[in-house]
């Protein structure tokens, strides 16, 4: 019996006990309250530059650690998303007019924070012809001009699979192209109802074939089975993904999808071991991992 099959039996037993205890998080999911001078400096900078961060919008549990290390993930294209994913806490609705000065403010903030590695993500802007790809391009361009030693990672939406948007990104390509699959294909209708699993795989493959380092991330504890995670890993790595992040899903509000179970640190370790065996260059797998967690370390390791 494989290691994962042994754990699968254990997971089913644990799941029964979790059903009455999901309101109480295990000790490994407890984090410190965000405080500290660096945290305050980063927060004030974001307010002054009128910028959004996914750290705040998505209620990331690592905000204290990252901001105190003077690291943040910029969220561009506004704070309102055109999609209604079942796990995400970002506001859904009709977005405001596109802010063409946003890339300059992002670049200025990267310079002020003196970042060695920067992550830029966005809401979905499906009402735009290019999905906002041109704003990503301008952010990368300006950061490269201001901070030529800084590596840039962009965590992009799928742009509805429009290849013209991909081509815009490649006009000023990032150092790392990140696109999250989030979950196994069986759960897409409830977790990512406006997305398509195969479309996301094709996006990763397209950028890998252009020569970029590629990255993706998933959540566990949202209803998947361990064997489905292993199959998903095969799919992602076979489409050219270099880096994989795996973290615990946490329900942001009572209106979002419930937590199915709290995945043990031991299971996360197994996913890391299996992922490295399958060919990923880096696997970041633990309960509090999010897409940009330790992204600066990944960049240093892969270049």
C-alpha atoms as a PDB file:
ATOM      1  CA  UNK A   1       0.000   0.000   0.000  1.00  0.00           C
ATOM      2  CA  UNK A   2       1.380   3.438  -0.950  1.00  0.00           C
ATOM      3  CA  UNK A   3       2.079   6.070   1.686  1.00  0.00           C
ATOM      4  CA  UNK A   4      -0.706   8.261   0.343  1.00  0.00           C
ATOM      5  CA  UNK A   5      -3.187   5.362   0.490  1.00  0.00           C
ATOM      6  CA  UNK A   6      -2.260   4.724   4.100  1.00  0.00           C
ATOM      7  CA  UNK A   7      -2.897   8.363   4.882  1.00  0.00           C
ATOM      8  CA  UNK A   8      -6.121   8.330   2.876  1.00  0.00           C
ATOM      9  CA  UNK A   9      -7.574   5.788   5.293  1.00  0.00           C
ATOM     10  CA  UNK A  10      -6.430   7.918   8.212  1.00  0.00           C
ATOM     11  CA  UNK A  11      -7.899  11.064   6.602  1.00  0.00           C
ATOM     12  CA  UNK A  12     -11.331   9.448   6.345  1.00  0.00           C
ATOM     13  CA  UNK A  13     -11.251   8.578  10.039  1.00  0.00           C
ATOM     14  CA  UNK A  14     -10.109  12.082  10.960  1.00  0.00           C
ATOM     15  CA  UNK A  15     -12.767  13.655   8.763  1.00  0.00           C
ATOM     16  CA  UNK A  16     -15.534  12.164  10.920  1.00  0.00           C
ATOM     17  CA  UNK A  17     -14.112  13.790  14.036  1.00  0.00           C
ATOM     18  CA  UNK A  18     -13.530  17.110  12.243  1.00  0.00           C
ATOM     19  CA  UNK A  19     -17.199  17.370  11.328  1.00  0.00           C
ATOM     20  CA  UNK A  20     -18.037  18.470  14.882  1.00  0.00           C
ATOM     21  CA  UNK A  21     -14.846  20.473  15.473  1.00  0.00           C
ATOM     22  CA  UNK A  22     -14.409  22.608  12.358  1.00  0.00           C
ATOM     23  CA  UNK A  23     -15.229  25.755  14.279  1.00  0.00           C
ATOM     24  CA  UNK A  24     -12.015  25.326  16.242  1.00  0.00           C
ATOM     25  CA  UNK A  25      -8.762  25.682  14.316  1.00  0.00           C
ATOM     26  CA  UNK A  26      -5.884  23.390  15.243  1.00  0.00           C
ATOM     27  CA  UNK A  27      -2.764  24.856  16.807  1.00  0.00           C
ATOM     28  CA  UNK A  28      -0.794  24.747  13.568  1.00  0.00           C
ATOM     29  CA  UNK A  29      -3.162  27.336  12.035  1.00  0.00           C
ATOM     30  CA  UNK A  30      -2.754  29.959  14.731  1.00  0.00           C
ATOM     31  CA  UNK A  31      -0.847  33.113  13.746  1.00  0.00           C
ATOM     32  CA  UNK A  32       0.305  36.288  15.439  1.00  0.00           C
ATOM     33  CA  UNK A  33      -1.674  39.503  15.218  1.00  0.00           C
ATOM     34  CA  UNK A  34      -0.110  41.936  12.716  1.00  0.00           C
ATOM     35  CA  UNK A  35       2.064  44.448  14.570  1.00  0.00           C
ATOM     36  CA  UNK A  36       5.529  45.987  14.315  1.00  0.00           C
ATOM     37  CA  UNK A  37       7.206  49.027  12.785  1.00  0.00           C
ATOM     38  CA  UNK A  38       7.765  47.446   9.369  1.00  0.00           C
ATOM     39  CA  UNK A  39       4.148  46.274   9.254  1.00  0.00           C
ATOM     40  CA  UNK A  40       2.999  49.818   9.966  1.00  0.00           C
ATOM     41  CA  UNK A  41       5.366  51.278   7.371  1.00  0.00           C
ATOM     42  CA  UNK A  42       4.097  48.956   4.625  1.00  0.00           C
ATOM     43  CA  UNK A  43       0.460  49.586   5.534  1.00  0.00           C
ATOM     44  CA  UNK A  44       0.976  53.352   5.505  1.00  0.00           C
ATOM     45  CA  UNK A  45       2.773  53.175   2.165  1.00  0.00           C
ATOM     46  CA  UNK A  46      -0.117  51.284   0.594  1.00  0.00           C
ATOM     47  CA  UNK A  47      -2.605  53.836   1.892  1.00  0.00           C
ATOM     48  CA  UNK A  48      -0.466  56.755   0.718  1.00  0.00           C
ATOM     49  CA  UNK A  49      -0.036  55.307  -2.769  1.00  0.00           C
ATOM     50  CA  UNK A  50      -3.713  54.285  -2.927  1.00  0.00           C
ATOM     51  CA  UNK A  51      -2.780  50.702  -3.694  1.00  0.00           C
ATOM     52  CA  UNK A  52      -4.427  47.410  -2.836  1.00  0.00           C
ATOM     53  CA  UNK A  53      -2.745  44.254  -1.574  1.00  0.00           C
ATOM     54  CA  UNK A  54      -4.035  40.719  -1.790  1.00  0.00           C
ATOM     55  CA  UNK A  55      -2.575  40.351   1.711  1.00  0.00           C
ATOM     56  CA  UNK A  56      -5.405  42.502   3.061  1.00  0.00           C
ATOM     57  CA  UNK A  57      -8.183  41.803   0.565  1.00  0.00           C
ATOM     58  CA  UNK A  58      -7.856  38.016   0.873  1.00  0.00           C
ATOM     59  CA  UNK A  59      -7.220  38.102   4.646  1.00  0.00           C
ATOM     60  CA  UNK A  60      -3.891  36.299   4.292  1.00  0.00           C
ATOM     61  CA  UNK A  61      -2.771  34.677   7.571  1.00  0.00           C
ATOM     62  CA  UNK A  62       0.873  35.526   6.822  1.00  0.00           C
ATOM     63  CA  UNK A  63       0.432  39.291   6.612  1.00  0.00           C
ATOM     64  CA  UNK A  64       2.349  39.913   9.852  1.00  0.00           C
ATOM     65  CA  UNK A  65       5.362  37.824   8.802  1.00  0.00           C
ATOM     66  CA  UNK A  66       5.525  39.193   5.265  1.00  0.00           C
ATOM     67  CA  UNK A  67       4.928  42.862   5.997  1.00  0.00           C
ATOM     68  CA  UNK A  68       7.426  42.845   8.843  1.00  0.00           C
ATOM     69  CA  UNK A  69       9.910  41.477   6.295  1.00  0.00           C
ATOM     70  CA  UNK A  70       8.925  44.443   4.079  1.00  0.00           C
ATOM     71  CA  UNK A  71       7.316  42.144   1.536  1.00  0.00           C
ATOM     72  CA  UNK A  72       3.856  42.493   0.029  1.00  0.00           C
ATOM     73  CA  UNK A  73       1.840  41.252  -2.925  1.00  0.00           C
ATOM     74  CA  UNK A  74       0.404  44.152  -4.892  1.00  0.00           C
ATOM     75  CA  UNK A  75      -3.106  43.703  -6.245  1.00  0.00           C
ATOM     76  CA  UNK A  76      -3.720  45.773  -9.359  1.00  0.00           C
ATOM     77  CA  UNK A  77      -6.778  46.552 -11.526  1.00  0.00           C
ATOM     78  CA  UNK A  78      -8.807  47.743  -8.551  1.00  0.00           C
ATOM     79  CA  UNK A  79     -10.458  45.936  -5.671  1.00  0.00           C
ATOM     80  CA  UNK A  80     -13.577  44.593  -7.409  1.00  0.00           C
ATOM     81  CA  UNK A  81     -13.615  41.276  -9.253  1.00  0.00           C
ATOM     82  CA  UNK A  82     -15.907  40.236 -12.104  1.00  0.00           C
ATOM     83  CA  UNK A  83     -15.928  36.594 -10.975  1.00  0.00           C
ATOM     84  CA  UNK A  84     -17.551  34.933  -7.989  1.00  0.00           C
ATOM     85  CA  UNK A  85     -15.219  32.185  -6.803  1.00  0.00           C
ATOM     86  CA  UNK A  86     -16.556  30.278  -3.819  1.00  0.00           C
ATOM     87  CA  UNK A  87     -13.389  30.611  -1.748  1.00  0.00           C
ATOM     88  CA  UNK A  88     -12.321  34.208  -2.331  1.00  0.00           C
ATOM     89  CA  UNK A  89     -12.978  37.192  -0.073  1.00  0.00           C
ATOM     90  CA  UNK A  90     -12.313  39.869  -2.710  1.00  0.00           C
ATOM     91  CA  UNK A  91     -15.315  42.066  -3.501  1.00  0.00           C
ATOM     92  CA  UNK A  92     -17.439  41.034  -6.505  1.00  0.00           C
ATOM     93  CA  UNK A  93     -19.263  43.512  -8.717  1.00  0.00           C
ATOM     94  CA  UNK A  94     -18.834  46.081 -11.471  1.00  0.00           C
ATOM     95  CA  UNK A  95     -15.250  47.411 -11.348  1.00  0.00           C
ATOM     96  CA  UNK A  96     -14.315  51.071 -11.399  1.00  0.00           C
ATOM     97  CA  UNK A  97     -12.702  52.722 -14.399  1.00  0.00           C
ATOM     98  CA  UNK A  98      -9.202  51.446 -15.154  1.00  0.00           C
ATOM     99  CA  UNK A  99      -6.483  53.394 -13.321  1.00  0.00           C
ATOM    100  CA  UNK A 100      -3.731  54.030 -15.894  1.00  0.00           C
ATOM    101  CA  UNK A 101      -1.438  55.603 -13.282  1.00  0.00           C
ATOM    102  CA  UNK A 102      -1.453  52.495 -11.103  1.00  0.00           C
ATOM    103  CA  UNK A 103       1.731  50.950 -12.618  1.00  0.00           C
ATOM    104  CA  UNK A 104       3.741  54.077 -11.758  1.00  0.00           C
ATOM    105  CA  UNK A 105       2.573  53.964  -8.131  1.00  0.00           C
ATOM    106  CA  UNK A 106       3.419  50.263  -7.901  1.00  0.00           C
ATOM    107  CA  UNK A 107       6.922  50.862  -9.274  1.00  0.00           C
ATOM    108  CA  UNK A 108       7.469  53.778  -6.897  1.00  0.00           C
ATOM    109  CA  UNK A 109       6.392  51.615  -3.958  1.00  0.00           C
ATOM    110  CA  UNK A 110       8.707  48.778  -4.971  1.00  0.00           C
ATOM    111  CA  UNK A 111      11.560  51.289  -5.061  1.00  0.00           C
ATOM    112  CA  UNK A 112      10.665  52.800  -1.687  1.00  0.00           C
ATOM    113  CA  UNK A 113      10.482  49.347  -0.079  1.00  0.00           C
ATOM    114  CA  UNK A 114      13.723  48.379  -1.876  1.00  0.00           C
ATOM    115  CA  UNK A 115      12.304  44.956  -2.732  1.00  0.00           C
ATOM    116  CA  UNK A 116      14.566  42.279  -4.208  1.00  0.00           C
ATOM    117  CA  UNK A 117      11.520  40.347  -5.420  1.00  0.00           C
ATOM    118  CA  UNK A 118       8.010  41.646  -6.038  1.00  0.00           C
ATOM    119  CA  UNK A 119       4.737  39.806  -6.638  1.00  0.00           C
ATOM    120  CA  UNK A 120       1.906  41.467  -8.550  1.00  0.00           C
ATOM    121  CA  UNK A 121      -1.538  39.926  -8.831  1.00  0.00           C
ATOM    122  CA  UNK A 122      -4.987  41.242  -9.756  1.00  0.00           C
ATOM    123  CA  UNK A 123      -8.690  40.818  -9.655  1.00  0.00           C
ATOM    124  CA  UNK A 124     -10.372  39.407 -12.761  1.00  0.00           C
ATOM    125  CA  UNK A 125     -11.445  42.096 -15.208  1.00  0.00           C
ATOM    126  CA  UNK A 126     -13.441  40.087 -17.735  1.00  0.00           C
ATOM    127  CA  UNK A 127     -15.135  43.228 -19.061  1.00  0.00           C
ATOM    128  CA  UNK A 128     -11.807  44.416 -20.532  1.00  0.00           C
ATOM    129  CA  UNK A 129     -10.773  43.168 -23.957  1.00  0.00           C
ATOM    130  CA  UNK A 130      -7.284  42.252 -22.731  1.00  0.00           C
ATOM    131  CA  UNK A 131      -8.397  41.393 -19.181  1.00  0.00           C
ATOM    132  CA  UNK A 132      -5.984  44.001 -17.854  1.00  0.00           C
ATOM    133  CA  UNK A 133      -2.862  42.455 -19.395  1.00  0.00           C
ATOM    134  CA  UNK A 134      -1.555  45.859 -20.503  1.00  0.00           C
ATOM    135  CA  UNK A 135      -1.484  47.089 -16.896  1.00  0.00           C
ATOM    136  CA  UNK A 136       0.553  44.025 -15.884  1.00  0.00           C
ATOM    137  CA  UNK A 137       2.923  44.765 -18.767  1.00  0.00           C
ATOM    138  CA  UNK A 138       3.393  48.379 -17.668  1.00  0.00           C
ATOM    139  CA  UNK A 139       4.035  47.371 -14.052  1.00  0.00           C
ATOM    140  CA  UNK A 140       6.801  44.990 -15.120  1.00  0.00           C
ATOM    141  CA  UNK A 141       8.276  47.552 -17.525  1.00  0.00           C
ATOM    142  CA  UNK A 142       8.463  50.356 -14.948  1.00  0.00           C
ATOM    143  CA  UNK A 143       9.825  48.128 -12.187  1.00  0.00           C
ATOM    144  CA  UNK A 144      12.542  46.845 -14.527  1.00  0.00           C
ATOM    145  CA  UNK A 145      13.467  50.424 -15.394  1.00  0.00           C
ATOM    146  CA  UNK A 146      13.621  51.540 -11.755  1.00  0.00           C
ATOM    147  CA  UNK A 147      14.983  48.386 -10.080  1.00  0.00           C
ATOM    148  CA  UNK A 148      16.967  46.339 -12.572  1.00  0.00           C
ATOM    149  CA  UNK A 149      18.182  43.895  -9.897  1.00  0.00           C
ATOM    150  CA  UNK A 150      14.644  43.178  -8.664  1.00  0.00           C
ATOM    151  CA  UNK A 151      12.947  40.012  -9.905  1.00  0.00           C
ATOM    152  CA  UNK A 152       9.269  40.314 -10.810  1.00  0.00           C
ATOM    153  CA  UNK A 153       6.597  37.640 -10.398  1.00  0.00           C
ATOM    154  CA  UNK A 154       3.093  38.144 -11.718  1.00  0.00           C
ATOM    155  CA  UNK A 155       0.147  36.053 -10.567  1.00  0.00           C
ATOM    156  CA  UNK A 156      -2.300  36.422 -13.423  1.00  0.00           C
ATOM    157  CA  UNK A 157      -5.934  35.494 -14.064  1.00  0.00           C
ATOM    158  CA  UNK A 158      -6.681  33.299 -17.088  1.00  0.00           C
ATOM    159  CA  UNK A 159      -7.672  36.272 -19.312  1.00  0.00           C
ATOM    160  CA  UNK A 160     -10.483  33.992 -20.586  1.00  0.00           C
ATOM    161  CA  UNK A 161      -7.812  32.100 -22.525  1.00  0.00           C
ATOM    162  CA  UNK A 162      -7.361  34.991 -24.990  1.00  0.00           C
ATOM    163  CA  UNK A 163      -3.917  34.526 -26.545  1.00  0.00           C
ATOM    164  CA  UNK A 164      -3.672  38.203 -27.501  1.00  0.00           C
ATOM    165  CA  UNK A 165      -3.581  38.979 -23.762  1.00  0.00           C
ATOM    166  CA  UNK A 166      -0.772  36.454 -23.302  1.00  0.00           C
ATOM    167  CA  UNK A 167       1.162  38.180 -26.085  1.00  0.00           C
ATOM    168  CA  UNK A 168       0.780  41.527 -24.308  1.00  0.00           C
ATOM    169  CA  UNK A 169       2.320  40.012 -21.163  1.00  0.00           C
ATOM    170  CA  UNK A 170       5.275  38.784 -23.240  1.00  0.00           C
ATOM    171  CA  UNK A 171       6.023  42.313 -24.464  1.00  0.00           C
ATOM    172  CA  UNK A 172       7.582  42.873 -21.023  1.00  0.00           C
ATOM    173  CA  UNK A 173       7.810  39.362 -19.592  1.00  0.00           C
ATOM    174  CA  UNK A 174       8.141  38.768 -15.848  1.00  0.00           C
ATOM    175  CA  UNK A 175      10.812  36.597 -14.291  1.00  0.00           C
ATOM    176  CA  UNK A 176       8.169  34.209 -12.942  1.00  0.00           C
ATOM    177  CA  UNK A 177       4.678  33.633 -14.374  1.00  0.00           C
ATOM    178  CA  UNK A 178       2.234  32.398 -11.738  1.00  0.00           C
ATOM    179  CA  UNK A 179      -1.307  31.176 -12.360  1.00  0.00           C
ATOM    180  CA  UNK A 180      -3.225  29.247  -9.718  1.00  0.00           C
ATOM    181  CA  UNK A 181      -5.341  26.208 -10.482  1.00  0.00           C
ATOM    182  CA  UNK A 182      -6.718  26.445  -6.906  1.00  0.00           C
ATOM    183  CA  UNK A 183      -8.344  23.000  -6.738  1.00  0.00           C
ATOM    184  CA  UNK A 184      -8.981  19.675  -8.464  1.00  0.00           C
ATOM    185  CA  UNK A 185     -11.142  19.626 -11.614  1.00  0.00           C
ATOM    186  CA  UNK A 186     -14.098  17.889  -9.920  1.00  0.00           C
ATOM    187  CA  UNK A 187     -14.637  20.928  -7.680  1.00  0.00           C
ATOM    188  CA  UNK A 188     -14.355  23.681 -10.290  1.00  0.00           C
ATOM    189  CA  UNK A 189     -18.098  24.263 -10.608  1.00  0.00           C
ATOM    190  CA  UNK A 190     -18.346  25.356  -6.977  1.00  0.00           C
ATOM    191  CA  UNK A 191     -14.832  26.666  -6.322  1.00  0.00           C
ATOM    192  CA  UNK A 192     -14.086  28.431  -9.645  1.00  0.00           C
ATOM    193  CA  UNK A 193     -17.404  28.490 -11.554  1.00  0.00           C
ATOM    194  CA  UNK A 194     -16.234  30.904 -14.290  1.00  0.00           C
ATOM    195  CA  UNK A 195     -12.885  29.167 -14.813  1.00  0.00           C
ATOM    196  CA  UNK A 196     -11.896  26.059 -16.751  1.00  0.00           C
ATOM    197  CA  UNK A 197      -9.323  23.554 -15.539  1.00  0.00           C
ATOM    198  CA  UNK A 198      -7.965  22.718 -18.991  1.00  0.00           C
ATOM    199  CA  UNK A 199      -7.773  26.410 -19.893  1.00  0.00           C
ATOM    200  CA  UNK A 200      -5.586  27.089 -16.868  1.00  0.00           C
ATOM    201  CA  UNK A 201      -3.303  24.166 -17.714  1.00  0.00           C
ATOM    202  CA  UNK A 202      -3.007  25.454 -21.278  1.00  0.00           C
ATOM    203  CA  UNK A 203      -2.037  28.908 -19.979  1.00  0.00           C
ATOM    204  CA  UNK A 204       0.837  27.474 -17.941  1.00  0.00           C
ATOM    205  CA  UNK A 205       2.013  25.438 -20.926  1.00  0.00           C
ATOM    206  CA  UNK A 206       1.823  28.461 -23.263  1.00  0.00           C
ATOM    207  CA  UNK A 207       4.073  30.619 -21.087  1.00  0.00           C
ATOM    208  CA  UNK A 208       6.466  27.759 -20.339  1.00  0.00           C
ATOM    209  CA  UNK A 209       6.938  27.244 -24.062  1.00  0.00           C
ATOM    210  CA  UNK A 210       7.869  30.932 -24.302  1.00  0.00           C
ATOM    211  CA  UNK A 211      10.747  30.273 -21.914  1.00  0.00           C
ATOM    212  CA  UNK A 212       9.371  31.634 -18.626  1.00  0.00           C
ATOM    213  CA  UNK A 213       9.719  30.107 -15.180  1.00  0.00           C
ATOM    214  CA  UNK A 214       6.204  29.037 -14.192  1.00  0.00           C
ATOM    215  CA  UNK A 215       4.372  28.607 -10.916  1.00  0.00           C
ATOM    216  CA  UNK A 216       0.948  27.522  -9.680  1.00  0.00           C
ATOM    217  CA  UNK A 217      -0.893  27.031  -6.405  1.00  0.00           C
ATOM    218  CA  UNK A 218      -3.728  25.017  -4.932  1.00  0.00           C
ATOM    219  CA  UNK A 219      -5.762  24.809  -1.725  1.00  0.00           C
ATOM    220  CA  UNK A 220      -6.551  21.635   0.167  1.00  0.00           C
ATOM    221  CA  UNK A 221      -9.219  20.965   2.746  1.00  0.00           C
ATOM    222  CA  UNK A 222     -11.983  22.225   0.452  1.00  0.00           C
ATOM    223  CA  UNK A 223     -13.404  18.829  -0.504  1.00  0.00           C
ATOM    224  CA  UNK A 224     -10.711  17.138  -2.584  1.00  0.00           C
ATOM    225  CA  UNK A 225      -9.374  13.624  -2.060  1.00  0.00           C
ATOM    226  CA  UNK A 226      -5.618  12.983  -1.686  1.00  0.00           C
ATOM    227  CA  UNK A 227      -5.452  10.918  -4.874  1.00  0.00           C
ATOM    228  CA  UNK A 228      -7.012  13.824  -6.771  1.00  0.00           C
ATOM    229  CA  UNK A 229      -4.220  16.084  -5.518  1.00  0.00           C
ATOM    230  CA  UNK A 230      -1.597  13.680  -6.867  1.00  0.00           C
ATOM    231  CA  UNK A 231      -3.324  13.528 -10.252  1.00  0.00           C
ATOM    232  CA  UNK A 232      -3.514  17.334 -10.343  1.00  0.00           C
ATOM    233  CA  UNK A 233       0.219  17.484  -9.624  1.00  0.00           C
ATOM    234  CA  UNK A 234       0.854  15.258 -12.636  1.00  0.00           C
ATOM    235  CA  UNK A 235      -1.285  17.517 -14.807  1.00  0.00           C
ATOM    236  CA  UNK A 236       0.494  20.695 -13.717  1.00  0.00           C
ATOM    237  CA  UNK A 237       4.059  19.415 -13.924  1.00  0.00           C
ATOM    238  CA  UNK A 238       3.393  17.772 -17.288  1.00  0.00           C
ATOM    239  CA  UNK A 239       2.355  21.181 -18.611  1.00  0.00           C
ATOM    240  CA  UNK A 240       5.655  22.728 -17.597  1.00  0.00           C
ATOM    241  CA  UNK A 241       5.139  24.106 -14.081  1.00  0.00           C
ATOM    242  CA  UNK A 242       8.341  24.665 -12.083  1.00  0.00           C
ATOM    243  CA  UNK A 243       7.018  25.760  -8.667  1.00  0.00           C
ATOM    244  CA  UNK A 244       3.949  24.564  -6.764  1.00  0.00           C
ATOM    245  CA  UNK A 245       2.427  26.020  -3.591  1.00  0.00           C
ATOM    246  CA  UNK A 246      -0.083  24.088  -1.452  1.00  0.00           C
ATOM    247  CA  UNK A 247      -1.931  25.537   1.529  1.00  0.00           C
ATOM    248  CA  UNK A 248      -4.941  24.994   3.757  1.00  0.00           C
ATOM    249  CA  UNK A 249      -8.232  26.534   2.644  1.00  0.00           C
ATOM    250  CA  UNK A 250      -9.720  28.773   5.326  1.00  0.00           C
ATOM    251  CA  UNK A 251     -13.286  30.029   5.035  1.00  0.00           C
ATOM    252  CA  UNK A 252     -13.095  33.857   4.970  1.00  0.00           C
ATOM    253  CA  UNK A 253     -16.773  34.428   5.877  1.00  0.00           C
ATOM    254  CA  UNK A 254     -19.872  32.337   6.516  1.00  0.00           C
ATOM    255  CA  UNK A 255     -21.019  33.159   2.973  1.00  0.00           C
ATOM    256  CA  UNK A 256     -18.089  31.293   1.431  1.00  0.00           C
ATOM    257  CA  UNK A 257     -17.511  27.578   0.934  1.00  0.00           C
ATOM    258  CA  UNK A 258     -17.052  25.721   4.226  1.00  0.00           C
ATOM    259  CA  UNK A 259     -13.822  24.036   5.242  1.00  0.00           C
ATOM    260  CA  UNK A 260     -14.108  20.314   4.525  1.00  0.00           C
ATOM    261  CA  UNK A 261     -11.273  19.347   6.864  1.00  0.00           C
ATOM    262  CA  UNK A 262      -8.078  20.672   8.411  1.00  0.00           C
ATOM    263  CA  UNK A 263      -5.230  18.947   6.627  1.00  0.00           C
ATOM    264  CA  UNK A 264      -2.447  17.777   8.929  1.00  0.00           C
ATOM    265  CA  UNK A 265       1.143  19.004   8.581  1.00  0.00           C
ATOM    266  CA  UNK A 266       2.126  15.375   7.900  1.00  0.00           C
ATOM    267  CA  UNK A 267      -0.101  15.275   4.827  1.00  0.00           C
ATOM    268  CA  UNK A 268       1.406  18.529   3.564  1.00  0.00           C
ATOM    269  CA  UNK A 269       4.865  16.986   3.943  1.00  0.00           C
ATOM    270  CA  UNK A 270       3.768  14.017   1.849  1.00  0.00           C
ATOM    271  CA  UNK A 271       2.532  16.325  -0.904  1.00  0.00           C
ATOM    272  CA  UNK A 272       5.879  18.104  -0.905  1.00  0.00           C
ATOM    273  CA  UNK A 273       7.812  14.837  -1.143  1.00  0.00           C
ATOM    274  CA  UNK A 274       5.555  13.491  -3.894  1.00  0.00           C
ATOM    275  CA  UNK A 275       5.674  16.748  -5.823  1.00  0.00           C
ATOM    276  CA  UNK A 276       9.467  16.833  -5.856  1.00  0.00           C
ATOM    277  CA  UNK A 277       9.503  13.219  -7.051  1.00  0.00           C
ATOM    278  CA  UNK A 278       7.148  14.169  -9.879  1.00  0.00           C
ATOM    279  CA  UNK A 279       9.536  16.819 -11.156  1.00  0.00           C
ATOM    280  CA  UNK A 280       8.641  20.186  -9.613  1.00  0.00           C
ATOM    281  CA  UNK A 281      11.767  22.206  -8.892  1.00  0.00           C
ATOM    282  CA  UNK A 282      10.208  23.720  -5.758  1.00  0.00           C
ATOM    283  CA  UNK A 283       7.193  22.650  -3.688  1.00  0.00           C
ATOM    284  CA  UNK A 284       6.088  24.922  -0.825  1.00  0.00           C
ATOM    285  CA  UNK A 285       3.554  22.862   1.107  1.00  0.00           C
ATOM    286  CA  UNK A 286       2.273  23.589   4.606  1.00  0.00           C
ATOM    287  CA  UNK A 287      -0.971  24.754   6.238  1.00  0.00           C
ATOM    288  CA  UNK A 288      -0.331  28.520   6.089  1.00  0.00           C
ATOM    289  CA  UNK A 289       1.206  28.602   2.607  1.00  0.00           C
ATOM    290  CA  UNK A 290      -0.333  31.040   0.135  1.00  0.00           C
ATOM    291  CA  UNK A 291       0.604  31.780  -3.482  1.00  0.00           C
ATOM    292  CA  UNK A 292       3.275  34.358  -2.725  1.00  0.00           C
ATOM    293  CA  UNK A 293       4.521  32.910   0.567  1.00  0.00           C
ATOM    294  CA  UNK A 294       8.344  32.800   0.472  1.00  0.00           C
ATOM    295  CA  UNK A 295       8.187  33.931  -3.153  1.00  0.00           C
ATOM    296  CA  UNK A 296      11.479  35.789  -2.748  1.00  0.00           C
ATOM    297  CA  UNK A 297      13.172  32.555  -1.646  1.00  0.00           C
ATOM    298  CA  UNK A 298      11.726  30.722  -4.644  1.00  0.00           C
ATOM    299  CA  UNK A 299      13.113  33.357  -6.988  1.00  0.00           C
ATOM    300  CA  UNK A 300      16.582  33.160  -5.466  1.00  0.00           C
ATOM    301  CA  UNK A 301      16.540  29.368  -5.663  1.00  0.00           C
ATOM    302  CA  UNK A 302      15.358  29.079  -9.241  1.00  0.00           C
ATOM    303  CA  UNK A 303      17.645  31.658 -10.883  1.00  0.00           C
END
